[in-house]
PDB file of N, CA and C in Angstrom:
ATOM      1  N   MET A   1     -10.311   2.501  -5.860  1.00  0.00           N
ATOM      2  CA  MET A   1     -10.652   1.375  -5.619  1.00  0.00           C
ATOM      3  C   MET A   1      -9.809   0.015  -6.103  1.00  0.00           C
ATOM      4  N   LEU A   2      -9.544  -0.619  -4.919  1.00  0.00           N
ATOM      5  CA  LEU A   2      -8.519  -1.298  -5.227  1.00  0.00           C
ATOM      6  C   LEU A   2      -9.080  -2.805  -6.407  1.00  0.00           C
ATOM      7  N   ASP A   3      -7.781  -3.053  -6.606  1.00  0.00           N
ATOM      8  CA  ASP A   3      -7.848  -4.512  -7.769  1.00  0.00           C
ATOM      9  C   ASP A   3      -7.591  -5.483  -6.908  1.00  0.00           C
ATOM     10  N   TRP A   4      -8.562  -6.166  -6.501  1.00  0.00           N
ATOM     11  CA  TRP A   4      -8.327  -7.177  -5.374  1.00  0.00           C
ATOM     12  C   TRP A   4      -7.636  -8.189  -5.976  1.00  0.00           C
ATOM     13  N   GLU A   5      -7.605  -8.889  -7.451  1.00  0.00           N
ATOM     14  CA  GLU A   5      -6.809 -10.005  -7.701  1.00  0.00           C
ATOM     15  C   GLU A   5      -5.317  -9.338  -7.591  1.00  0.00           C
ATOM     16  N   LYS A   6      -5.100  -8.183  -7.911  1.00  0.00           N
ATOM     17  CA  LYS A   6      -3.503  -7.717  -7.691  1.00  0.00           C
ATOM     18  C   LYS A   6      -3.228  -7.600  -6.259  1.00  0.00           C
ATOM     19  N   VAL A   7      -4.133  -7.013  -5.624  1.00  0.00           N
ATOM     20  CA  VAL A   7      -3.779  -7.322  -3.842  1.00  0.00           C
ATOM     21  C   VAL A   7      -3.361  -8.721  -3.484  1.00  0.00           C
ATOM     22  N   GLU A   8      -4.302  -9.415  -3.714  1.00  0.00           N
ATOM     23  CA  GLU A   8      -3.923 -11.022  -3.407  1.00  0.00           C
ATOM     24  C   GLU A   8      -2.654 -11.534  -3.937  1.00  0.00           C
ATOM     25  N   GLN A   9      -2.248 -11.124  -5.216  1.00  0.00           N
ATOM     26  CA  GLN A   9      -1.025 -11.432  -5.547  1.00  0.00           C
ATOM     27  C   GLN A   9       0.044 -11.321  -4.784  1.00  0.00           C
ATOM     28  N   GLU A  10       0.176  -9.824  -4.482  1.00  0.00           N
ATOM     29  CA  GLU A  10       1.225  -9.199  -4.331  1.00  0.00           C
ATOM     30  C   GLU A  10       1.480  -8.953  -2.632  1.00  0.00           C
ATOM     31  N   TYR A  11       0.179  -9.200  -1.841  1.00  0.00           N
ATOM     32  CA  TYR A  11       0.349  -8.497  -0.474  1.00  0.00           C
ATOM     33  C   TYR A  11      -0.486  -9.689   0.418  1.00  0.00           C
ATOM     34  N   LEU A  12      -0.132  -9.418   1.524  1.00  0.00           N
ATOM     35  CA  LEU A  12      -0.790 -10.487   2.816  1.00  0.00           C
ATOM     36  C   LEU A  12      -1.731  -9.649   3.178  1.00  0.00           C
ATOM     37  N   THR A  13      -3.320 -10.219   2.614  1.00  0.00           N
ATOM     38  CA  THR A  13      -4.324  -9.769   2.935  1.00  0.00           C
ATOM     39  C   THR A  13      -4.655  -9.334   4.472  1.00  0.00           C
ATOM     40  N   ASP A  14      -3.914  -9.929   5.056  1.00  0.00           N
ATOM     41  CA  ASP A  14      -4.453  -9.837   6.711  1.00  0.00           C
ATOM     42  C   ASP A  14      -3.662  -9.159   7.520  1.00  0.00           C
ATOM     43  N   ARG A  15      -2.768  -8.498   6.376  1.00  0.00           N
ATOM     44  CA  ARG A  15      -1.701  -7.552   7.126  1.00  0.00           C
ATOM     45  C   ARG A  15      -1.428  -5.952   6.389  1.00  0.00           C
ATOM     46  N   HIS A  16      -2.767  -5.476   6.749  1.00  0.00           N
ATOM     47  CA  HIS A  16      -2.714  -4.288   5.852  1.00  0.00           C
ATOM     48  C   HIS A  16      -3.271  -3.284   7.064  1.00  0.00           C
ATOM     49  N   PHE A  17      -3.257  -1.928   7.011  1.00  0.00           N
ATOM     50  CA  PHE A  17      -3.512  -1.123   7.951  1.00  0.00           C
ATOM     51  C   PHE A  17      -3.891   0.492   7.049  1.00  0.00           C
ATOM     52  N   HIS A  18      -5.097   0.889   7.730  1.00  0.00           N
ATOM     53  CA  HIS A  18      -5.991   1.951   7.130  1.00  0.00           C
ATOM     54  C   HIS A  18      -5.130   3.508   7.770  1.00  0.00           C
ATOM     55  N   LEU A  19      -4.669   4.132   6.873  1.00  0.00           N
ATOM     56  CA  LEU A  19      -4.165   5.438   7.136  1.00  0.00           C
ATOM     57  C   LEU A  19      -5.400   6.632   6.838  1.00  0.00           C
ATOM     58  N   THR A  20      -5.363   7.688   7.933  1.00  0.00           N
ATOM     59  CA  THR A  20      -5.939   8.820   7.671  1.00  0.00           C
ATOM     60  C   THR A  20      -5.408   9.736   7.933  1.00  0.00           C
ATOM     61  N   TYR A  21      -5.613  11.112   7.326  1.00  0.00           N
ATOM     62  CA  TYR A  21      -5.350  12.289   7.461  1.00  0.00           C
ATOM     63  C   TYR A  21      -6.593  13.518   7.705  1.00  0.00           C
ATOM     64  N   CYS A  22      -6.395  13.804   9.235  1.00  0.00           N
ATOM     65  CA  CYS A  22      -7.914  14.728   9.257  1.00  0.00           C
ATOM     66  C   CYS A  22      -7.549  15.889  10.130  1.00  0.00           C
ATOM     67  N   GLU A  23      -6.875  16.755   9.141  1.00  0.00           N
ATOM     68  CA  GLU A  23      -6.154  17.606   9.663  1.00  0.00           C
ATOM     69  C   GLU A  23      -6.818  19.163   8.747  1.00  0.00           C
ATOM     70  N   ASP A  24      -7.273  20.274   9.411  1.00  0.00           N
ATOM     71  CA  ASP A  24      -7.663  21.303   8.640  1.00  0.00           C
ATOM     72  C   ASP A  24      -8.862  21.313   7.605  1.00  0.00           C
ATOM     73  N   GLY A  25      -9.750  20.286   8.425  1.00  0.00           N
ATOM     74  CA  GLY A  25     -11.026  19.998   7.451  1.00  0.00           C
ATOM     75  C   GLY A  25     -11.048  19.088   6.582  1.00  0.00           C
ATOM     76  N   TYR A  26      -9.728  18.283   6.538  1.00  0.00           N
ATOM     77  CA  TYR A  26      -9.376  17.103   5.326  1.00  0.00           C
ATOM     78  C   TYR A  26      -9.752  16.036   5.835  1.00  0.00           C
ATOM     79  N   ASP A  27     -10.190  14.807   5.009  1.00  0.00           N
ATOM     80  CA  ASP A  27     -10.614  13.764   5.458  1.00  0.00           C
ATOM     81  C   ASP A  27     -10.008  12.997   4.044  1.00  0.00           C
ATOM     82  N   ILE A  28      -8.632  12.595   4.375  1.00  0.00           N
ATOM     83  CA  ILE A  28      -8.015  11.714   3.138  1.00  0.00           C
ATOM     84  C   ILE A  28      -7.721  10.374   4.134  1.00  0.00           C
ATOM     85  N   GLU A  29      -7.529   9.395   3.111  1.00  0.00           N
ATOM     86  CA  GLU A  29      -7.397   8.074   3.513  1.00  0.00           C
ATOM     87  C   GLU A  29      -6.479   7.160   2.401  1.00  0.00           C
ATOM     88  N   GLY A  30      -5.658   6.626   3.098  1.00  0.00           N
ATOM     89  CA  GLY A  30      -4.885   5.448   2.235  1.00  0.00           C
ATOM     90  C   GLY A  30      -4.674   3.947   2.869  1.00  0.00           C
ATOM     91  N   SER A  31      -3.909   3.382   2.339  1.00  0.00           N
ATOM     92  CA  SER A  31      -3.857   2.118   3.187  1.00  0.00           C
ATOM     93  C   SER A  31      -2.421   1.411   2.965  1.00  0.00           C
ATOM     94  N   VAL A  32      -1.902   0.575   3.664  1.00  0.00           N
ATOM     95  CA  VAL A  32      -0.541   0.225   4.052  1.00  0.00           C
ATOM     96  C   VAL A  32      -0.738  -1.248   3.890  1.00  0.00           C
ATOM     97  N   TRP A  33       0.214  -2.088   2.805  1.00  0.00           N
ATOM     98  CA  TRP A  33      -0.093  -3.454   3.018  1.00  0.00           C
ATOM     99  C   TRP A  33       1.268  -4.152   2.991  1.00  0.00           C
ATOM    100  N   LYS A  34       1.416  -5.499   3.611  1.00  0.00           N
ATOM    101  CA  LYS A  34       2.832  -6.090   3.900  1.00  0.00           C
ATOM    102  C   LYS A  34       2.779  -6.604   2.483  1.00  0.00           C
ATOM    103  N   LYS A  35       3.846  -6.539   1.750  1.00  0.00           N
ATOM    104  CA  LYS A  35       4.484  -7.121   0.665  1.00  0.00           C
ATOM    105  C   LYS A  35       4.712  -8.980   0.779  1.00  0.00           C
ATOM    106  N   LYS A  36       4.404  -9.728   0.067  1.00  0.00           N
ATOM    107  CA  LYS A  36       4.330 -11.252  -0.065  1.00  0.00           C
ATOM    108  C   LYS A  36       6.024 -11.672  -0.169  1.00  0.00           C
ATOM    109  N   ASN A  37       6.743 -11.197  -0.793  1.00  0.00           N
ATOM    110  CA  ASN A  37       7.995 -11.785  -1.373  1.00  0.00           C
ATOM    111  C   ASN A  37       9.195 -10.602  -0.701  1.00  0.00           C
ATOM    112  N   SER A  38       8.791  -9.942  -0.314  1.00  0.00           N
ATOM    113  CA  SER A  38      10.127  -9.079   0.007  1.00  0.00           C
ATOM    114  C   SER A  38       9.765  -8.457   1.371  1.00  0.00           C
ATOM    115  N   GLN A  39      10.811  -8.019   2.116  1.00  0.00           N
ATOM    116  CA  GLN A  39      10.474  -7.138   3.201  1.00  0.00           C
ATOM    117  C   GLN A  39       9.901  -5.829   2.853  1.00  0.00           C
ATOM    118  N   GLY A  40       9.063  -5.402   3.665  1.00  0.00           N
ATOM    119  CA  GLY A  40       8.787  -3.899   3.613  1.00  0.00           C
ATOM    120  C   GLY A  40       7.068  -4.037   3.406  1.00  0.00           C
ATOM    121  N   TRP A  41       6.674  -2.825   2.987  1.00  0.00           N
ATOM    122  CA  TRP A  41       5.166  -2.333   3.058  1.00  0.00           C
ATOM    123  C   TRP A  41       4.855  -1.369   1.876  1.00  0.00           C
ATOM    124  N   ASP A  42       4.037  -1.549   1.137  1.00  0.00           N
ATOM    125  CA  ASP A  42       3.377  -0.416   0.075  1.00  0.00           C
ATOM    126  C   ASP A  42       2.373   0.391   0.534  1.00  0.00           C
ATOM    127  N   VAL A  43       2.438   1.440   0.380  1.00  0.00           N
ATOM    128  CA  VAL A  43       1.283   2.547   0.942  1.00  0.00           C
ATOM    129  C   VAL A  43       0.634   3.018  -0.434  1.00  0.00           C
ATOM    130  N   LEU A  44      -0.825   2.524  -0.316  1.00  0.00           N
ATOM    131  CA  LEU A  44      -1.643   2.790  -1.435  1.00  0.00           C
ATOM    132  C   LEU A  44      -2.549   3.944  -1.428  1.00  0.00           C
ATOM    133  N   PHE A  45      -2.639   4.449  -2.390  1.00  0.00           N
ATOM    134  CA  PHE A  45      -3.797   5.813  -2.268  1.00  0.00           C
ATOM    135  C   PHE A  45      -4.502   5.784  -3.526  1.00  0.00           C
ATOM    136  N   SER A  46      -6.020   5.762  -3.462  1.00  0.00           N
ATOM    137  CA  SER A  46      -6.759   5.933  -5.075  1.00  0.00           C
ATOM    138  C   SER A  46      -7.287   7.235  -4.907  1.00  0.00           C
ATOM    139  N   ASP A  47      -6.934   8.186  -5.926  1.00  0.00           N
ATOM    140  CA  ASP A  47      -7.714   9.626  -6.244  1.00  0.00           C
ATOM    141  C   ASP A  47      -8.343   9.441  -7.508  1.00  0.00           C
ATOM    142  N   ASN A  48      -9.809   9.865  -7.276  1.00  0.00           N
ATOM    143  CA  ASN A  48     -10.545  10.040  -8.537  1.00  0.00           C
ATOM    144  C   ASN A  48     -10.848  11.291  -8.943  1.00  0.00           C
ATOM    145  N   PHE A  49      -9.738  12.441  -8.263  1.00  0.00           N
ATOM    146  CA  PHE A  49     -10.161  13.648  -8.637  1.00  0.00           C
ATOM    147  C   PHE A  49      -8.879  14.252  -9.568  1.00  0.00           C
ATOM    148  N   HIS A  50      -7.852  13.849  -9.138  1.00  0.00           N
ATOM    149  CA  HIS A  50      -6.760  14.934  -9.734  1.00  0.00           C
ATOM    150  C   HIS A  50      -5.358  13.887 -10.429  1.00  0.00           C
ATOM    151  N   ASP A  51      -4.649  14.390 -11.003  1.00  0.00           N
ATOM    152  CA  ASP A  51      -3.597  13.897 -11.697  1.00  0.00           C
ATOM    153  C   ASP A  51      -2.358  13.670 -10.607  1.00  0.00           C
ATOM    154  N   LEU A  52      -2.282  12.894 -10.401  1.00  0.00           N
ATOM    155  CA  LEU A  52      -1.196  12.482  -9.207  1.00  0.00           C
ATOM    156  C   LEU A  52       0.560  12.296  -9.817  1.00  0.00           C
ATOM    157  N   GLY A  53       0.538  12.129 -11.160  1.00  0.00           N
ATOM    158  CA  GLY A  53       1.666  11.876 -11.538  1.00  0.00           C
ATOM    159  C   GLY A  53       1.733  11.546 -13.198  1.00  0.00           C
ATOM    160  N   SER A  54       2.305  10.624 -13.582  1.00  0.00           N
ATOM    161  CA  SER A  54       2.404   9.880 -14.696  1.00  0.00           C
ATOM    162  C   SER A  54       1.040   9.449 -15.305  1.00  0.00           C
ATOM    163  N   SER A  55       0.041   9.174 -14.522  1.00  0.00           N
ATOM    164  CA  SER A  55      -1.244   8.729 -14.925  1.00  0.00           C
ATOM    165  C   SER A  55      -2.452   9.102 -14.033  1.00  0.00           C
ATOM    166  N   ASP A  56      -3.455   9.418 -14.555  1.00  0.00           N
ATOM    167  CA  ASP A  56      -4.827   9.858 -13.919  1.00  0.00           C
ATOM    168  C   ASP A  56      -5.359   8.265 -13.647  1.00  0.00           C
ATOM    169  N   THR A  57      -5.949   8.089 -12.459  1.00  0.00           N
ATOM    170  CA  THR A  57      -6.328   6.787 -12.047  1.00  0.00           C
ATOM    171  C   THR A  57      -7.315   6.676 -11.013  1.00  0.00           C
ATOM    172  N   SER A  58      -8.437   5.726 -11.264  1.00  0.00           N
ATOM    173  CA  SER A  58      -8.975   5.400  -9.966  1.00  0.00           C
ATOM    174  C   SER A  58      -8.775   4.219  -9.245  1.00  0.00           C
ATOM    175  N   GLU A  59      -7.771   3.641  -9.745  1.00  0.00           N
ATOM    176  CA  GLU A  59      -7.055   2.463  -9.271  1.00  0.00           C
ATOM    177  C   GLU A  59      -5.985   2.877  -8.282  1.00  0.00           C
ATOM    178  N   ASP A  60      -5.903   2.268  -7.045  1.00  0.00           N
ATOM    179  CA  ASP A  60      -4.692   2.463  -6.188  1.00  0.00           C
ATOM    180  C   ASP A  60      -3.552   2.265  -6.863  1.00  0.00           C
ATOM    181  N   ILE A  61      -2.696   3.259  -6.247  1.00  0.00           N
ATOM    182  CA  ILE A  61      -1.395   3.253  -6.941  1.00  0.00           C
ATOM    183  C   ILE A  61      -0.708   3.302  -5.522  1.00  0.00           C
ATOM    184  N   VAL A  62       0.738   2.897  -5.881  1.00  0.00           N
ATOM    185  CA  VAL A  62       1.692   2.869  -4.825  1.00  0.00           C
ATOM    186  C   VAL A  62       2.056   4.230  -4.888  1.00  0.00           C
ATOM    187  N   ILE A  63       2.098   4.990  -3.587  1.00  0.00           N
ATOM    188  CA  ILE A  63       2.630   6.597  -3.465  1.00  0.00           C
ATOM    189  C   ILE A  63       4.113   6.275  -2.809  1.00  0.00           C
ATOM    190  N   PHE A  64       4.499   5.498  -1.874  1.00  0.00           N
ATOM    191  CA  PHE A  64       5.711   4.953  -1.653  1.00  0.00           C
ATOM    192  C   PHE A  64       5.612   3.794  -0.955  1.00  0.00           C
ATOM    193  N   HIS A  65       7.002   3.377  -0.547  1.00  0.00           N
ATOM    194  CA  HIS A  65       7.399   2.169  -0.111  1.00  0.00           C
ATOM    195  C   HIS A  65       7.817   2.328   1.514  1.00  0.00           C
ATOM    196  N   TYR A  66       7.553   1.422   2.285  1.00  0.00           N
ATOM    197  CA  TYR A  66       7.893   1.603   3.416  1.00  0.00           C
ATOM    198  C   TYR A  66       8.800   0.281   3.900  1.00  0.00           C
ATOM    199  N   GLU A  67      10.199   0.074   4.029  1.00  0.00           N
ATOM    200  CA  GLU A  67      11.148  -1.091   3.716  1.00  0.00           C
ATOM    201  C   GLU A  67      11.392  -1.483   5.055  1.00  0.00           C
ATOM    202  N   LYS A  68      10.871  -1.336   6.300  1.00  0.00           N
ATOM    203  CA  LYS A  68      10.874  -1.925   7.368  1.00  0.00           C
ATOM    204  C   LYS A  68      10.021  -3.103   7.585  1.00  0.00           C
ATOM    205  N   ASP A  69      10.454  -4.105   7.923  1.00  0.00           N
ATOM    206  CA  ASP A  69       9.763  -5.497   8.228  1.00  0.00           C
ATOM    207  C   ASP A  69       8.366  -5.162   8.915  1.00  0.00           C
ATOM    208  N   GLU A  70       8.322  -4.571  10.251  1.00  0.00           N
ATOM    209  CA  GLU A  70       7.709  -4.292  11.150  1.00  0.00           C
ATOM    210  C   GLU A  70       7.051  -3.030  10.810  1.00  0.00           C
ATOM    211  N   LEU A  71       5.737  -2.608  10.904  1.00  0.00           N
ATOM    212  CA  LEU A  71       5.222  -1.651  10.794  1.00  0.00           C
ATOM    213  C   LEU A  71       5.164  -0.733  11.945  1.00  0.00           C
ATOM    214  N   ASP A  72       5.821   0.679  12.040  1.00  0.00           N
ATOM    215  CA  ASP A  72       5.421   1.720  13.152  1.00  0.00           C
ATOM    216  C   ASP A  72       4.458   2.637  12.650  1.00  0.00           C
ATOM    217  N   VAL A  73       3.265   2.252  13.643  1.00  0.00           N
ATOM    218  CA  VAL A  73       1.908   2.827  12.915  1.00  0.00           C
ATOM    219  C   VAL A  73       2.395   4.417  13.034  1.00  0.00           C
ATOM    220  N   GLU A  74       2.802   5.014  13.815  1.00  0.00           N
ATOM    221  CA  GLU A  74       3.080   6.292  14.441  1.00  0.00           C
ATOM    222  C   GLU A  74       4.047   6.814  13.078  1.00  0.00           C
ATOM    223  N   GLU A  75       4.847   6.271  12.603  1.00  0.00           N
ATOM    224  CA  GLU A  75       5.860   6.770  11.617  1.00  0.00           C
ATOM    225  C   GLU A  75       5.231   6.441  10.550  1.00  0.00           C
ATOM    226  N   ILE A  76       4.511   5.279  10.043  1.00  0.00           N
ATOM    227  CA  ILE A  76       3.631   5.395   8.805  1.00  0.00           C
ATOM    228  C   ILE A  76       2.898   6.237   8.743  1.00  0.00           C
ATOM    229  N   ASN A  77       2.074   6.946   9.621  1.00  0.00           N
ATOM    230  CA  ASN A  77       0.896   7.921   9.549  1.00  0.00           C
ATOM    231  C   ASN A  77       1.639   9.294   9.444  1.00  0.00           C
ATOM    232  N   ASN A  78       2.647   9.482   9.897  1.00  0.00           N
ATOM    233  CA  ASN A  78       3.577  10.754  10.076  1.00  0.00           C
ATOM    234  C   ASN A  78       3.922  10.844   8.559  1.00  0.00           C
ATOM    235  N   LEU A  79       4.314   9.706   8.173  1.00  0.00           N
ATOM    236  CA  LEU A  79       4.921   9.727   6.510  1.00  0.00           C
ATOM    237  C   LEU A  79       3.925  10.126   5.378  1.00  0.00           C
ATOM    238  N   PHE A  80       2.725   9.504   5.736  1.00  0.00           N
ATOM    239  CA  PHE A  80       1.634   9.812   4.693  1.00  0.00           C
ATOM    240  C   PHE A  80       0.946  11.105   5.054  1.00  0.00           C
ATOM    241  N   ALA A  81       0.959  11.863   6.086  1.00  0.00           N
ATOM    242  CA  ALA A  81       0.937  13.090   6.384  1.00  0.00           C
ATOM    243  C   ALA A  81       1.737  14.145   5.501  1.00  0.00           C
ATOM    244  N   SER A  82       2.779  13.395   5.711  1.00  0.00           N
ATOM    245  CA  SER A  82       4.203  14.188   4.807  1.00  0.00           C
ATOM    246  C   SER A  82       3.734  14.286   3.414  1.00  0.00           C
ATOM    247  N   TRP A  83       3.448  13.147   2.880  1.00  0.00           N
ATOM    248  CA  TRP A  83       3.128  12.906   1.572  1.00  0.00           C
ATOM    249  C   TRP A  83       1.692  13.858   1.204  1.00  0.00           C
ATOM    250  N   VAL A  84       0.756  13.639   1.886  1.00  0.00           N
ATOM    251  CA  VAL A  84      -0.352  14.678   1.773  1.00  0.00           C
ATOM    252  C   VAL A  84      -0.089  16.034   1.600  1.00  0.00           C
ATOM    253  N   ASN A  85       0.717  16.604   2.672  1.00  0.00           N
ATOM    254  CA  ASN A  85       0.955  17.780   2.500  1.00  0.00           C
ATOM    255  C   ASN A  85       1.992  18.603   1.421  1.00  0.00           C
ATOM    256  N   GLU A  86       2.898  17.485   1.138  1.00  0.00           N
ATOM    257  CA  GLU A  86       4.015  17.859   0.123  1.00  0.00           C
ATOM    258  C   GLU A  86       3.859  17.525  -1.299  1.00  0.00           C
ATOM    259  N   VAL A  87       2.868  16.509  -1.373  1.00  0.00           N
ATOM    260  CA  VAL A  87       2.529  16.165  -2.739  1.00  0.00           C
ATOM    261  C   VAL A  87       1.082  16.231  -3.396  1.00  0.00           C
ATOM    262  N   LEU A  88       0.072  15.659  -2.579  1.00  0.00           N
ATOM    263  CA  LEU A  88      -1.368  15.450  -3.125  1.00  0.00           C
ATOM    264  C   LEU A  88      -1.888  16.973  -2.993  1.00  0.00           C
ATOM    265  N   LEU A  89      -1.618  17.894  -1.493  1.00  0.00           N
ATOM    266  CA  LEU A  89      -2.390  18.861  -1.950  1.00  0.00           C
ATOM    267  C   LEU A  89      -1.710  19.946  -2.642  1.00  0.00           C
ATOM    268  N   PRO A  90      -0.638  19.899  -2.816  1.00  0.00           N
ATOM    269  CA  PRO A  90       0.190  20.972  -3.532  1.00  0.00           C
ATOM    270  C   PRO A  90      -0.332  20.820  -5.069  1.00  0.00           C
ATOM    271  N   ARG A  91      -0.453  19.189  -5.515  1.00  0.00           N
ATOM    272  CA  ARG A  91      -0.965  19.498  -6.905  1.00  0.00           C
ATOM    273  C   ARG A  91      -2.301  19.553  -7.040  1.00  0.00           C
ATOM    274  N   ALA A  92      -3.081  19.371  -6.066  1.00  0.00           N
ATOM    275  CA  ALA A  92      -4.437  19.258  -5.916  1.00  0.00           C
ATOM    276  C   ALA A  92      -5.185  20.521  -6.768  1.00  0.00           C
ATOM    277  N   LYS A  93      -5.899  20.558  -8.041  1.00  0.00           N
ATOM    278  CA  LYS A  93      -6.663  21.655  -8.816  1.00  0.00           C
ATOM    279  C   LYS A  93      -7.944  21.929  -7.708  1.00  0.00           C
ATOM    280  N   ASP A  94      -8.445  21.064  -6.975  1.00  0.00           N
ATOM    281  CA  ASP A  94      -9.752  21.689  -6.270  1.00  0.00           C
ATOM    282  C   ASP A  94      -9.557  20.792  -4.741  1.00  0.00           C
ATOM    283  N   LYS A  95      -9.048  21.288  -3.963  1.00  0.00           N
ATOM    284  CA  LYS A  95      -8.601  20.993  -2.606  1.00  0.00           C
ATOM    285  C   LYS A  95     -10.184  20.333  -1.969  1.00  0.00           C
ATOM    286  N   SER A  96     -10.777  21.085  -2.451  1.00  0.00           N
ATOM    287  CA  SER A  96     -12.463  20.974  -1.609  1.00  0.00           C
ATOM    288  C   SER A  96     -12.876  19.263  -1.860  1.00  0.00           C
ATOM    289  N   GLN A  97     -12.337  18.721  -2.985  1.00  0.00           N
ATOM    290  CA  GLN A  97     -12.628  17.282  -2.924  1.00  0.00           C
ATOM    291  C   GLN A  97     -11.841  16.573  -1.767  1.00  0.00           C
ATOM    292  N   TYR A  98     -11.361  16.624  -1.089  1.00  0.00           N
ATOM    293  CA  TYR A  98     -10.422  16.271   0.085  1.00  0.00           C
ATOM    294  C   TYR A  98     -11.160  16.412   1.455  1.00  0.00           C
ATOM    295  N   LYS A  99     -12.319  17.672   1.162  1.00  0.00           N
ATOM    296  CA  LYS A  99     -12.733  17.903   2.636  1.00  0.00           C
ATOM    297  C   LYS A  99     -13.693  17.229   3.067  1.00  0.00           C
ATOM    298  N   TYR A 100     -13.775  17.095   4.568  1.00  0.00           N
ATOM    299  CA  TYR A 100     -14.754  16.083   5.245  1.00  0.00           C
ATOM    300  C   TYR A 100     -16.147  16.470   4.936  1.00  0.00           C
ATOM    301  N   GLN A 101     -16.795  16.054   4.645  1.00  0.00           N
ATOM    302  CA  GLN A 101     -18.208  15.999   4.042  1.00  0.00           C
ATOM    303  C   GLN A 101     -19.195  15.127   4.921  1.00  0.00           C
ATOM    304  N   GLU A 102     -20.005  15.704   5.531  1.00  0.00           N
ATOM    305  CA  GLU A 102     -21.171  14.980   6.213  1.00  0.00           C
ATOM    306  C   GLU A 102     -22.141  14.370   5.392  1.00  0.00           C
ATOM    307  N   MET A 103     -22.391  12.819   5.864  1.00  0.00           N
ATOM    308  CA  MET A 103     -23.319  12.254   4.767  1.00  0.00           C
ATOM    309  C   MET A 103     -24.598  12.277   5.129  1.00  0.00           C
TER     310      MET A 103
END
């Protein structure tokens, strides 16, 4: 869940993009936000299920920085997919939480 006050302070709210990872039955989403006071973008991810590092949180955390001024959508989606495969899924205690589920 986004801390909207923090987002408004740090990012251009009209310059963001939603990332998706939909392979092998997974449905994982992140977002990328243009930083206000510097070049580049932050990729945010919210995880309510697993400890991703220093803290277990339901707040969005910056998972990596994209230092280019203009966003390359294909490249950022590939980077997000790599993060999912190299960090998120290997650390997940219960990968089923990330599986696509019909509503």
